[in-house]
mmCIF file of all heavy atoms, coordinates in Angstrom:
data_MODEL
# 
_entry.id   MODEL 
# 
loop_
_atom_site.group_PDB 
_atom_site.id 
_atom_site.type_symbol 
_atom_site.label_atom_id 
_atom_site.label_alt_id 
_atom_site.label_comp_id 
_atom_site.label_asym_id 
_atom_site.label_entity_id 
_atom_site.label_seq_id 
_atom_site.pdbx_PDB_ins_code 
_atom_site.Cartn_x 
_atom_site.Cartn_y 
_atom_site.Cartn_z 
_atom_site.occupancy 
_atom_site.B_iso_or_equiv 
_atom_site.pdbx_formal_charge 
_atom_site.auth_seq_id 
_atom_site.auth_comp_id 
_atom_site.auth_asym_id 
_atom_site.auth_atom_id 
_atom_site.pdbx_PDB_model_num 
ATOM 1   N N   . GLU A 1 1  ? 148.329 -100.238 168.179 1.00 0.00 ? 1  GLU A N   1 
ATOM 2   C CA  . GLU A 1 1  ? 147.947 -100.011 169.645 1.00 0.00 ? 1  GLU A CA  1 
ATOM 3   C C   . GLU A 1 1  ? 148.255 -101.310 170.353 1.00 0.00 ? 1  GLU A C   1 
ATOM 4   O O   . GLU A 1 1  ? 147.527 -102.274 170.198 1.00 0.00 ? 1  GLU A O   1 
ATOM 5   C CB  . GLU A 1 1  ? 146.460 -99.517  169.813 1.00 0.00 ? 1  GLU A CB  1 
ATOM 6   C CG  . GLU A 1 1  ? 146.185 -98.355  169.057 1.00 0.00 ? 1  GLU A CG  1 
ATOM 7   C CD  . GLU A 1 1  ? 146.750 -97.117  169.647 1.00 0.00 ? 1  GLU A CD  1 
ATOM 8   O OE1 . GLU A 1 1  ? 147.228 -97.080  170.738 1.00 0.00 ? 1  GLU A OE1 1 
ATOM 9   O OE2 . GLU A 1 1  ? 146.849 -96.074  168.913 1.00 0.00 ? 1  GLU A OE2 1 
ATOM 10  N N   . CYS A 1 2  ? 149.217 -101.187 171.257 1.00 0.00 ? 2  CYS A N   1 
ATOM 11  C CA  . CYS A 1 2  ? 149.526 -102.388 172.169 1.00 0.00 ? 2  CYS A CA  1 
ATOM 12  C C   . CYS A 1 2  ? 149.059 -102.117 173.541 1.00 0.00 ? 2  CYS A C   1 
ATOM 13  O O   . CYS A 1 2  ? 148.496 -101.008 173.806 1.00 0.00 ? 2  CYS A O   1 
ATOM 14  C CB  . CYS A 1 2  ? 151.021 -102.743 172.134 1.00 0.00 ? 2  CYS A CB  1 
ATOM 15  S SG  . CYS A 1 2  ? 151.580 -103.044 170.529 1.00 0.00 ? 2  CYS A SG  1 
ATOM 16  N N   . ASP A 1 3  ? 149.318 -102.969 174.513 1.00 0.00 ? 3  ASP A N   1 
ATOM 17  C CA  . ASP A 1 3  ? 148.793 -102.769 175.874 1.00 0.00 ? 3  ASP A CA  1 
ATOM 18  C C   . ASP A 1 3  ? 149.280 -101.495 176.528 1.00 0.00 ? 3  ASP A C   1 
ATOM 19  O O   . ASP A 1 3  ? 148.488 -100.759 177.064 1.00 0.00 ? 3  ASP A O   1 
ATOM 20  C CB  . ASP A 1 3  ? 149.139 -103.939 176.804 1.00 0.00 ? 3  ASP A CB  1 
ATOM 21  C CG  . ASP A 1 3  ? 148.394 -105.226 176.426 1.00 0.00 ? 3  ASP A CG  1 
ATOM 22  O OD1 . ASP A 1 3  ? 147.350 -105.100 175.737 1.00 0.00 ? 3  ASP A OD1 1 
ATOM 23  O OD2 . ASP A 1 3  ? 148.860 -106.323 176.762 1.00 0.00 ? 3  ASP A OD2 1 
ATOM 24  N N   . LYS A 1 4  ? 150.542 -101.217 176.350 1.00 0.00 ? 4  LYS A N   1 
ATOM 25  C CA  . LYS A 1 4  ? 151.140 -100.053 177.053 1.00 0.00 ? 4  LYS A CA  1 
ATOM 26  C C   . LYS A 1 4  ? 151.657 -99.085  176.246 1.00 0.00 ? 4  LYS A C   1 
ATOM 27  O O   . LYS A 1 4  ? 152.243 -98.001  176.675 1.00 0.00 ? 4  LYS A O   1 
ATOM 28  C CB  . LYS A 1 4  ? 152.007 -100.527 178.062 1.00 0.00 ? 4  LYS A CB  1 
ATOM 29  C CG  . LYS A 1 4  ? 151.511 -101.433 179.155 1.00 0.00 ? 4  LYS A CG  1 
ATOM 30  C CD  . LYS A 1 4  ? 152.539 -101.913 180.172 1.00 0.00 ? 4  LYS A CD  1 
ATOM 31  C CE  . LYS A 1 4  ? 151.965 -102.826 181.237 1.00 0.00 ? 4  LYS A CE  1 
ATOM 32  N NZ  . LYS A 1 4  ? 152.984 -103.316 182.203 1.00 0.00 ? 4  LYS A NZ  1 
ATOM 33  N N   . LYS A 1 5  ? 151.694 -99.284  174.835 1.00 0.00 ? 5  LYS A N   1 
ATOM 34  C CA  . LYS A 1 5  ? 152.510 -98.393  173.962 1.00 0.00 ? 5  LYS A CA  1 
ATOM 35  C C   . LYS A 1 5  ? 151.773 -98.406  172.558 1.00 0.00 ? 5  LYS A C   1 
ATOM 36  O O   . LYS A 1 5  ? 151.136 -99.326  172.191 1.00 0.00 ? 5  LYS A O   1 
ATOM 37  C CB  . LYS A 1 5  ? 153.996 -98.920  173.856 1.00 0.00 ? 5  LYS A CB  1 
ATOM 38  C CG  . LYS A 1 5  ? 154.864 -97.922  173.304 1.00 0.00 ? 5  LYS A CG  1 
ATOM 39  C CD  . LYS A 1 5  ? 156.331 -98.273  173.535 1.00 0.00 ? 5  LYS A CD  1 
ATOM 40  C CE  . LYS A 1 5  ? 157.314 -97.239  173.002 1.00 0.00 ? 5  LYS A CE  1 
ATOM 41  N NZ  . LYS A 1 5  ? 158.670 -97.784  173.118 1.00 0.00 ? 5  LYS A NZ  1 
ATOM 42  N N   . SER A 1 6  ? 152.089 -97.357  171.848 1.00 0.00 ? 6  SER A N   1 
ATOM 43  C CA  . SER A 1 6  ? 151.578 -97.134  170.489 1.00 0.00 ? 6  SER A CA  1 
ATOM 44  C C   . SER A 1 6  ? 152.803 -96.970  169.566 1.00 0.00 ? 6  SER A C   1 
ATOM 45  O O   . SER A 1 6  ? 153.631 -96.291  169.875 1.00 0.00 ? 6  SER A O   1 
ATOM 46  C CB  . SER A 1 6  ? 150.733 -96.011  170.463 1.00 0.00 ? 6  SER A CB  1 
ATOM 47  O OG  . SER A 1 6  ? 150.175 -95.840  169.157 1.00 0.00 ? 6  SER A OG  1 
ATOM 48  N N   . TYR A 1 7  ? 152.789 -97.798  168.446 1.00 0.00 ? 7  TYR A N   1 
ATOM 49  C CA  . TYR A 1 7  ? 153.883 -97.714  167.477 1.00 0.00 ? 7  TYR A CA  1 
ATOM 50  C C   . TYR A 1 7  ? 153.370 -97.165  166.094 1.00 0.00 ? 7  TYR A C   1 
ATOM 51  O O   . TYR A 1 7  ? 152.290 -97.569  165.660 1.00 0.00 ? 7  TYR A O   1 
ATOM 52  C CB  . TYR A 1 7  ? 154.517 -99.121  167.252 1.00 0.00 ? 7  TYR A CB  1 
ATOM 53  C CG  . TYR A 1 7  ? 155.141 -99.761  168.510 1.00 0.00 ? 7  TYR A CG  1 
ATOM 54  C CD1 . TYR A 1 7  ? 154.345 -100.577 169.341 1.00 0.00 ? 7  TYR A CD1 1 
ATOM 55  C CD2 . TYR A 1 7  ? 156.449 -99.420  168.872 1.00 0.00 ? 7  TYR A CD2 1 
ATOM 56  C CE1 . TYR A 1 7  ? 154.879 -101.129 170.568 1.00 0.00 ? 7  TYR A CE1 1 
ATOM 57  C CE2 . TYR A 1 7  ? 156.943 -99.908  170.061 1.00 0.00 ? 7  TYR A CE2 1 
ATOM 58  C CZ  . TYR A 1 7  ? 156.225 -100.740 170.816 1.00 0.00 ? 7  TYR A CZ  1 
ATOM 59  O OH  . TYR A 1 7  ? 156.720 -101.309 171.921 1.00 0.00 ? 7  TYR A OH  1 
ATOM 60  N N   . PHE A 1 8  ? 154.171 -96.320  165.505 1.00 0.00 ? 8  PHE A N   1 
ATOM 61  C CA  . PHE A 1 8  ? 153.872 -95.760  164.173 1.00 0.00 ? 8  PHE A CA  1 
ATOM 62  C C   . PHE A 1 8  ? 153.963 -96.776  163.083 1.00 0.00 ? 8  PHE A C   1 
ATOM 63  O O   . PHE A 1 8  ? 154.837 -97.563  163.059 1.00 0.00 ? 8  PHE A O   1 
ATOM 64  C CB  . PHE A 1 8  ? 154.802 -94.541  163.907 1.00 0.00 ? 8  PHE A CB  1 
ATOM 65  C CG  . PHE A 1 8  ? 154.464 -93.845  162.604 1.00 0.00 ? 8  PHE A CG  1 
ATOM 66  C CD1 . PHE A 1 8  ? 153.404 -93.055  162.548 1.00 0.00 ? 8  PHE A CD1 1 
ATOM 67  C CD2 . PHE A 1 8  ? 155.347 -94.121  161.438 1.00 0.00 ? 8  PHE A CD2 1 
ATOM 68  C CE1 . PHE A 1 8  ? 153.173 -92.314  161.267 1.00 0.00 ? 8  PHE A CE1 1 
ATOM 69  C CE2 . PHE A 1 8  ? 155.062 -93.433  160.244 1.00 0.00 ? 8  PHE A CE2 1 
ATOM 70  C CZ  . PHE A 1 8  ? 154.034 -92.541  160.175 1.00 0.00 ? 8  PHE A CZ  1 
ATOM 71  N N   . ILE A 1 9  ? 152.998 -96.720  162.201 1.00 0.00 ? 9  ILE A N   1 
ATOM 72  C CA  . ILE A 1 9  ? 152.988 -97.599  161.010 1.00 0.00 ? 9  ILE A CA  1 
ATOM 73  C C   . ILE A 1 9  ? 152.968 -96.748  159.787 1.00 0.00 ? 9  ILE A C   1 
ATOM 74  O O   . ILE A 1 9  ? 152.030 -95.899  159.605 1.00 0.00 ? 9  ILE A O   1 
ATOM 75  C CB  . ILE A 1 9  ? 151.746 -98.517  160.885 1.00 0.00 ? 9  ILE A CB  1 
ATOM 76  C CG1 . ILE A 1 9  ? 151.611 -99.358  162.202 1.00 0.00 ? 9  ILE A CG1 1 
ATOM 77  C CG2 . ILE A 1 9  ? 151.878 -99.444  159.716 1.00 0.00 ? 9  ILE A CG2 1 
ATOM 78  C CD1 . ILE A 1 9  ? 150.317 -100.280 162.144 1.00 0.00 ? 9  ILE A CD1 1 
ATOM 79  N N   . ALA A 1 10 ? 153.991 -96.746  158.921 1.00 0.00 ? 10 ALA A N   1 
ATOM 80  C CA  . ALA A 1 10 ? 154.224 -95.870  157.797 1.00 0.00 ? 10 ALA A CA  1 
ATOM 81  C C   . ALA A 1 10 ? 153.225 -96.274  156.745 1.00 0.00 ? 10 ALA A C   1 
ATOM 82  O O   . ALA A 1 10 ? 152.663 -97.399  156.693 1.00 0.00 ? 10 ALA A O   1 
ATOM 83  C CB  . ALA A 1 10 ? 155.614 -96.021  157.270 1.00 0.00 ? 10 ALA A CB  1 
ATOM 84  N N   . PRO A 1 11 ? 152.882 -95.212  155.884 1.00 0.00 ? 11 PRO A N   1 
ATOM 85  C CA  . PRO A 1 11 ? 151.902 -95.512  154.828 1.00 0.00 ? 11 PRO A CA  1 
ATOM 86  C C   . PRO A 1 11 ? 152.143 -96.703  153.930 1.00 0.00 ? 11 PRO A C   1 
ATOM 87  O O   . PRO A 1 11 ? 151.176 -97.453  153.657 1.00 0.00 ? 11 PRO A O   1 
ATOM 88  C CB  . PRO A 1 11 ? 151.958 -94.146  154.002 1.00 0.00 ? 11 PRO A CB  1 
ATOM 89  C CG  . PRO A 1 11 ? 152.370 -93.201  154.985 1.00 0.00 ? 11 PRO A CG  1 
ATOM 90  C CD  . PRO A 1 11 ? 153.271 -93.821  155.891 1.00 0.00 ? 11 PRO A CD  1 
ATOM 91  N N   . PRO A 1 12 ? 153.429 -97.020  153.453 1.00 0.00 ? 12 PRO A N   1 
ATOM 92  C CA  . PRO A 1 12 ? 153.560 -98.209  152.708 1.00 0.00 ? 12 PRO A CA  1 
ATOM 93  C C   . PRO A 1 12 ? 153.182 -99.454  153.426 1.00 0.00 ? 12 PRO A C   1 
ATOM 94  O O   . PRO A 1 12 ? 152.743 -100.394 152.817 1.00 0.00 ? 12 PRO A O   1 
ATOM 95  C CB  . PRO A 1 12 ? 155.080 -98.193  152.291 1.00 0.00 ? 12 PRO A CB  1 
ATOM 96  C CG  . PRO A 1 12 ? 155.491 -96.747  152.467 1.00 0.00 ? 12 PRO A CG  1 
ATOM 97  C CD  . PRO A 1 12 ? 154.631 -96.233  153.582 1.00 0.00 ? 12 PRO A CD  1 
ATOM 98  N N   . ALA A 1 13 ? 153.513 -99.537  154.764 1.00 0.00 ? 13 ALA A N   1 
ATOM 99  C CA  . ALA A 1 13 ? 153.160 -100.722 155.449 1.00 0.00 ? 13 ALA A CA  1 
ATOM 100 C C   . ALA A 1 13 ? 151.714 -100.831 155.807 1.00 0.00 ? 13 ALA A C   1 
ATOM 101 O O   . ALA A 1 13 ? 151.081 -101.863 155.935 1.00 0.00 ? 13 ALA A O   1 
ATOM 102 C CB  . ALA A 1 13 ? 153.960 -100.665 156.855 1.00 0.00 ? 13 ALA A CB  1 
ATOM 103 N N   . MET A 1 14 ? 150.972 -99.657  155.811 1.00 0.00 ? 14 MET A N   1 
ATOM 104 C CA  . MET A 1 14 ? 149.598 -99.678  155.985 1.00 0.00 ? 14 MET A CA  1 
ATOM 105 C C   . MET A 1 14 ? 148.819 -100.302 154.908 1.00 0.00 ? 14 MET A C   1 
ATOM 106 O O   . MET A 1 14 ? 147.642 -100.750 155.026 1.00 0.00 ? 14 MET A O   1 
ATOM 107 C CB  . MET A 1 14 ? 149.013 -98.277  156.213 1.00 0.00 ? 14 MET A CB  1 
ATOM 108 C CG  . MET A 1 14 ? 149.240 -97.721  157.657 1.00 0.00 ? 14 MET A CG  1 
ATOM 109 S SD  . MET A 1 14 ? 148.308 -98.581  158.883 1.00 0.00 ? 14 MET A SD  1 
ATOM 110 C CE  . MET A 1 14 ? 146.555 -98.346  158.520 1.00 0.00 ? 14 MET A CE  1 
ATOM 111 N N   . LYS A 1 15 ? 149.422 -100.432 153.706 1.00 0.00 ? 15 LYS A N   1 
ATOM 112 C CA  . LYS A 1 15 ? 148.826 -101.139 152.612 1.00 0.00 ? 15 LYS A CA  1 
ATOM 113 C C   . LYS A 1 15 ? 148.628 -102.622 152.813 1.00 0.00 ? 15 LYS A C   1 
ATOM 114 O O   . LYS A 1 15 ? 147.909 -103.349 152.174 1.00 0.00 ? 15 LYS A O   1 
ATOM 115 C CB  . LYS A 1 15 ? 149.640 -100.792 151.311 1.00 0.00 ? 15 LYS A CB  1 
ATOM 116 C CG  . LYS A 1 15 ? 149.647 -99.379  150.887 1.00 0.00 ? 15 LYS A CG  1 
ATOM 117 C CD  . LYS A 1 15 ? 150.329 -99.264  149.529 1.00 0.00 ? 15 LYS A CD  1 
ATOM 118 C CE  . LYS A 1 15 ? 150.398 -97.744  149.139 1.00 0.00 ? 15 LYS A CE  1 
ATOM 119 N NZ  . LYS A 1 15 ? 149.092 -97.056  149.004 1.00 0.00 ? 15 LYS A NZ  1 
ATOM 120 N N   . LYS A 1 16 ? 149.453 -103.185 153.828 1.00 0.00 ? 16 LYS A N   1 
ATOM 121 C CA  . LYS A 1 16 ? 149.366 -104.646 154.066 1.00 0.00 ? 16 LYS A CA  1 
ATOM 122 C C   . LYS A 1 16 ? 148.284 -104.886 155.028 1.00 0.00 ? 16 LYS A C   1 
ATOM 123 O O   . LYS A 1 16 ? 148.012 -106.096 155.413 1.00 0.00 ? 16 LYS A O   1 
ATOM 124 C CB  . LYS A 1 16 ? 150.704 -105.036 154.605 1.00 0.00 ? 16 LYS A CB  1 
ATOM 125 C CG  . LYS A 1 16 ? 151.932 -104.837 153.776 1.00 0.00 ? 16 LYS A CG  1 
ATOM 126 C CD  . LYS A 1 16 ? 153.129 -105.296 154.422 1.00 0.00 ? 16 LYS A CD  1 
ATOM 127 C CE  . LYS A 1 16 ? 154.453 -104.922 153.641 1.00 0.00 ? 16 LYS A CE  1 
ATOM 128 N NZ  . LYS A 1 16 ? 155.618 -105.303 154.380 1.00 0.00 ? 16 LYS A NZ  1 
ATOM 129 N N   . VAL A 1 17 ? 147.672 -103.918 155.849 1.00 0.00 ? 17 VAL A N   1 
ATOM 130 C CA  . VAL A 1 17 ? 146.792 -104.142 156.940 1.00 0.00 ? 17 VAL A CA  1 
ATOM 131 C C   . VAL A 1 17 ? 145.582 -103.261 156.688 1.00 0.00 ? 17 VAL A C   1 
ATOM 132 O O   . VAL A 1 17 ? 145.542 -102.407 155.878 1.00 0.00 ? 17 VAL A O   1 
ATOM 133 C CB  . VAL A 1 17 ? 147.542 -103.853 158.276 1.00 0.00 ? 17 VAL A CB  1 
ATOM 134 C CG1 . VAL A 1 17 ? 148.557 -104.879 158.503 1.00 0.00 ? 17 VAL A CG1 1 
ATOM 135 C CG2 . VAL A 1 17 ? 148.022 -102.448 158.368 1.00 0.00 ? 17 VAL A CG2 1 
ATOM 136 N N   . MET A 1 18 ? 144.665 -103.346 157.686 1.00 0.00 ? 18 MET A N   1 
ATOM 137 C CA  . MET A 1 18 ? 143.448 -102.587 157.720 1.00 0.00 ? 18 MET A CA  1 
ATOM 138 C C   . MET A 1 18 ? 143.083 -102.234 159.052 1.00 0.00 ? 18 MET A C   1 
ATOM 139 O O   . MET A 1 18 ? 143.454 -102.827 159.951 1.00 0.00 ? 18 MET A O   1 
ATOM 140 C CB  . MET A 1 18 ? 142.296 -103.485 157.001 1.00 0.00 ? 18 MET A CB  1 
ATOM 141 C CG  . MET A 1 18 ? 140.973 -102.761 156.853 1.00 0.00 ? 18 MET A CG  1 
ATOM 142 S SD  . MET A 1 18 ? 139.820 -103.985 156.138 1.00 0.00 ? 18 MET A SD  1 
ATOM 143 C CE  . MET A 1 18 ? 140.587 -104.219 154.415 1.00 0.00 ? 18 MET A CE  1 
ATOM 144 N N   . HIS A 1 19 ? 142.411 -101.047 159.242 1.00 0.00 ? 19 HIS A N   1 
ATOM 145 C CA  . HIS A 1 19 ? 141.960 -100.626 160.492 1.00 0.00 ? 19 HIS A CA  1 
ATOM 146 C C   . HIS A 1 19 ? 141.236 -101.776 161.228 1.00 0.00 ? 19 HIS A C   1 
ATOM 147 O O   . HIS A 1 19 ? 140.405 -102.428 160.737 1.00 0.00 ? 19 HIS A O   1 
ATOM 148 C CB  . HIS A 1 19 ? 141.065 -99.356  160.382 1.00 0.00 ? 19 HIS A CB  1 
ATOM 149 C CG  . HIS A 1 19 ? 140.531 -98.950  161.755 1.00 0.00 ? 19 HIS A CG  1 
ATOM 150 N ND1 . HIS A 1 19 ? 141.163 -98.028  162.535 1.00 0.00 ? 19 HIS A ND1 1 
ATOM 151 C CD2 . HIS A 1 19 ? 139.353 -99.305  162.458 1.00 0.00 ? 19 HIS A CD2 1 
ATOM 152 C CE1 . HIS A 1 19 ? 140.474 -97.805  163.655 1.00 0.00 ? 19 HIS A CE1 1 
ATOM 153 N NE2 . HIS A 1 19 ? 139.403 -98.618  163.568 1.00 0.00 ? 19 HIS A NE2 1 
ATOM 154 N N   . GLY A 1 20 ? 141.638 -102.010 162.593 1.00 0.00 ? 20 GLY A N   1 
ATOM 155 C CA  . GLY A 1 20 ? 141.026 -103.035 163.310 1.00 0.00 ? 20 GLY A CA  1 
ATOM 156 C C   . GLY A 1 20 ? 141.674 -104.459 163.254 1.00 0.00 ? 20 GLY A C   1 
ATOM 157 O O   . GLY A 1 20 ? 141.303 -105.301 164.056 1.00 0.00 ? 20 GLY A O   1 
ATOM 158 N N   . ASP A 1 21 ? 142.616 -104.582 162.325 1.00 0.00 ? 21 ASP A N   1 
ATOM 159 C CA  . ASP A 1 21 ? 143.339 -105.905 162.253 1.00 0.00 ? 21 ASP A CA  1 
ATOM 160 C C   . ASP A 1 21 ? 144.121 -106.123 163.527 1.00 0.00 ? 21 ASP A C   1 
ATOM 161 O O   . ASP A 1 21 ? 144.766 -105.114 163.996 1.00 0.00 ? 21 ASP A O   1 
ATOM 162 C CB  . ASP A 1 21 ? 144.258 -105.902 161.052 1.00 0.00 ? 21 ASP A CB  1 
ATOM 163 C CG  . ASP A 1 21 ? 143.627 -106.204 159.732 1.00 0.00 ? 21 ASP A CG  1 
ATOM 164 O OD1 . ASP A 1 21 ? 142.381 -106.673 159.793 1.00 0.00 ? 21 ASP A OD1 1 
ATOM 165 O OD2 . ASP A 1 21 ? 144.223 -106.041 158.639 1.00 0.00 ? 21 ASP A OD2 1 
ATOM 166 N N   . LYS A 1 22 ? 144.108 -107.320 164.036 1.00 0.00 ? 22 LYS A N   1 
ATOM 167 C CA  . LYS A 1 22 ? 145.081 -107.648 165.066 1.00 0.00 ? 22 LYS A CA  1 
ATOM 168 C C   . LYS A 1 22 ? 146.213 -108.362 164.474 1.00 0.00 ? 22 LYS A C   1 
ATOM 169 O O   . LYS A 1 22 ? 146.098 -109.357 163.691 1.00 0.00 ? 22 LYS A O   1 
ATOM 170 C CB  . LYS A 1 22 ? 144.328 -108.614 166.042 1.00 0.00 ? 22 LYS A CB  1 
ATOM 171 C CG  . LYS A 1 22 ? 143.256 -107.943 167.034 1.00 0.00 ? 22 LYS A CG  1 
ATOM 172 C CD  . LYS A 1 22 ? 142.601 -108.832 167.975 1.00 0.00 ? 22 LYS A CD  1 
ATOM 173 C CE  . LYS A 1 22 ? 141.589 -108.157 168.793 1.00 0.00 ? 22 LYS A CE  1 
ATOM 174 N NZ  . LYS A 1 22 ? 140.848 -108.976 169.715 1.00 0.00 ? 22 LYS A NZ  1 
ATOM 175 N N   . ILE A 1 23 ? 147.424 -107.829 164.698 1.00 0.00 ? 23 ILE A N   1 
ATOM 176 C CA  . ILE A 1 23 ? 148.641 -108.340 163.945 1.00 0.00 ? 23 ILE A CA  1 
ATOM 177 C C   . ILE A 1 23 ? 149.812 -108.569 164.927 1.00 0.00 ? 23 ILE A C   1 
ATOM 178 O O   . ILE A 1 23 ? 149.805 -107.988 166.153 1.00 0.00 ? 23 ILE A O   1 
ATOM 179 C CB  . ILE A 1 23 ? 148.995 -107.401 162.831 1.00 0.00 ? 23 ILE A CB  1 
ATOM 180 C CG1 . ILE A 1 23 ? 149.477 -106.057 163.364 1.00 0.00 ? 23 ILE A CG1 1 
ATOM 181 C CG2 . ILE A 1 23 ? 147.902 -107.231 161.827 1.00 0.00 ? 23 ILE A CG2 1 
ATOM 182 C CD1 . ILE A 1 23 ? 150.212 -105.251 162.339 1.00 0.00 ? 23 ILE A CD1 1 
ATOM 183 N N   . LYS A 1 24 ? 150.825 -109.238 164.422 1.00 0.00 ? 24 LYS A N   1 
ATOM 184 C CA  . LYS A 1 24 ? 152.119 -109.249 165.098 1.00 0.00 ? 24 LYS A CA  1 
ATOM 185 C C   . LYS A 1 24 ? 152.992 -108.448 164.175 1.00 0.00 ? 24 LYS A C   1 
ATOM 186 O O   . LYS A 1 24 ? 152.962 -108.503 162.919 1.00 0.00 ? 24 LYS A O   1 
ATOM 187 C CB  . LYS A 1 24 ? 152.708 -110.735 165.170 1.00 0.00 ? 24 LYS A CB  1 
ATOM 188 C CG  . LYS A 1 24 ? 151.916 -111.554 166.172 1.00 0.00 ? 24 LYS A CG  1 
ATOM 189 C CD  . LYS A 1 24 ? 152.603 -112.956 166.237 1.00 0.00 ? 24 LYS A CD  1 
ATOM 190 C CE  . LYS A 1 24 ? 151.864 -113.749 167.226 1.00 0.00 ? 24 LYS A CE  1 
ATOM 191 N NZ  . LYS A 1 24 ? 152.397 -115.214 167.301 1.00 0.00 ? 24 LYS A NZ  1 
ATOM 192 N N   . ALA A 1 25 ? 153.872 -107.597 164.767 1.00 0.00 ? 25 ALA A N   1 
ATOM 193 C CA  . ALA A 1 25 ? 154.736 -106.707 163.988 1.00 0.00 ? 25 ALA A CA  1 
ATOM 194 C C   . ALA A 1 25 ? 156.194 -106.758 164.582 1.00 0.00 ? 25 ALA A C   1 
ATOM 195 O O   . ALA A 1 25 ? 156.379 -107.049 165.732 1.00 0.00 ? 25 ALA A O   1 
ATOM 196 C CB  . ALA A 1 25 ? 154.192 -105.375 164.117 1.00 0.00 ? 25 ALA A CB  1 
ATOM 197 N N   . VAL A 1 26 ? 157.177 -106.414 163.676 1.00 0.00 ? 26 VAL A N   1 
ATOM 198 C CA  . VAL A 1 26 ? 158.539 -106.286 164.073 1.00 0.00 ? 26 VAL A CA  1 
ATOM 199 C C   . VAL A 1 26 ? 158.747 -104.842 164.429 1.00 0.00 ? 26 VAL A C   1 
ATOM 200 O O   . VAL A 1 26 ? 158.308 -103.944 163.599 1.00 0.00 ? 26 VAL A O   1 
ATOM 201 C CB  . VAL A 1 26 ? 159.464 -106.799 162.973 1.00 0.00 ? 26 VAL A CB  1 
ATOM 202 C CG1 . VAL A 1 26 ? 160.919 -106.575 163.291 1.00 0.00 ? 26 VAL A CG1 1 
ATOM 203 C CG2 . VAL A 1 26 ? 159.199 -108.311 162.715 1.00 0.00 ? 26 VAL A CG2 1 
# 
């Protein structure tokens, strides 16, 4: 969830993060 847009995170990538984490993403 960004300021103006929402981007999909695939299940394999979700293993690297957790709900609520603030991250930078490509």
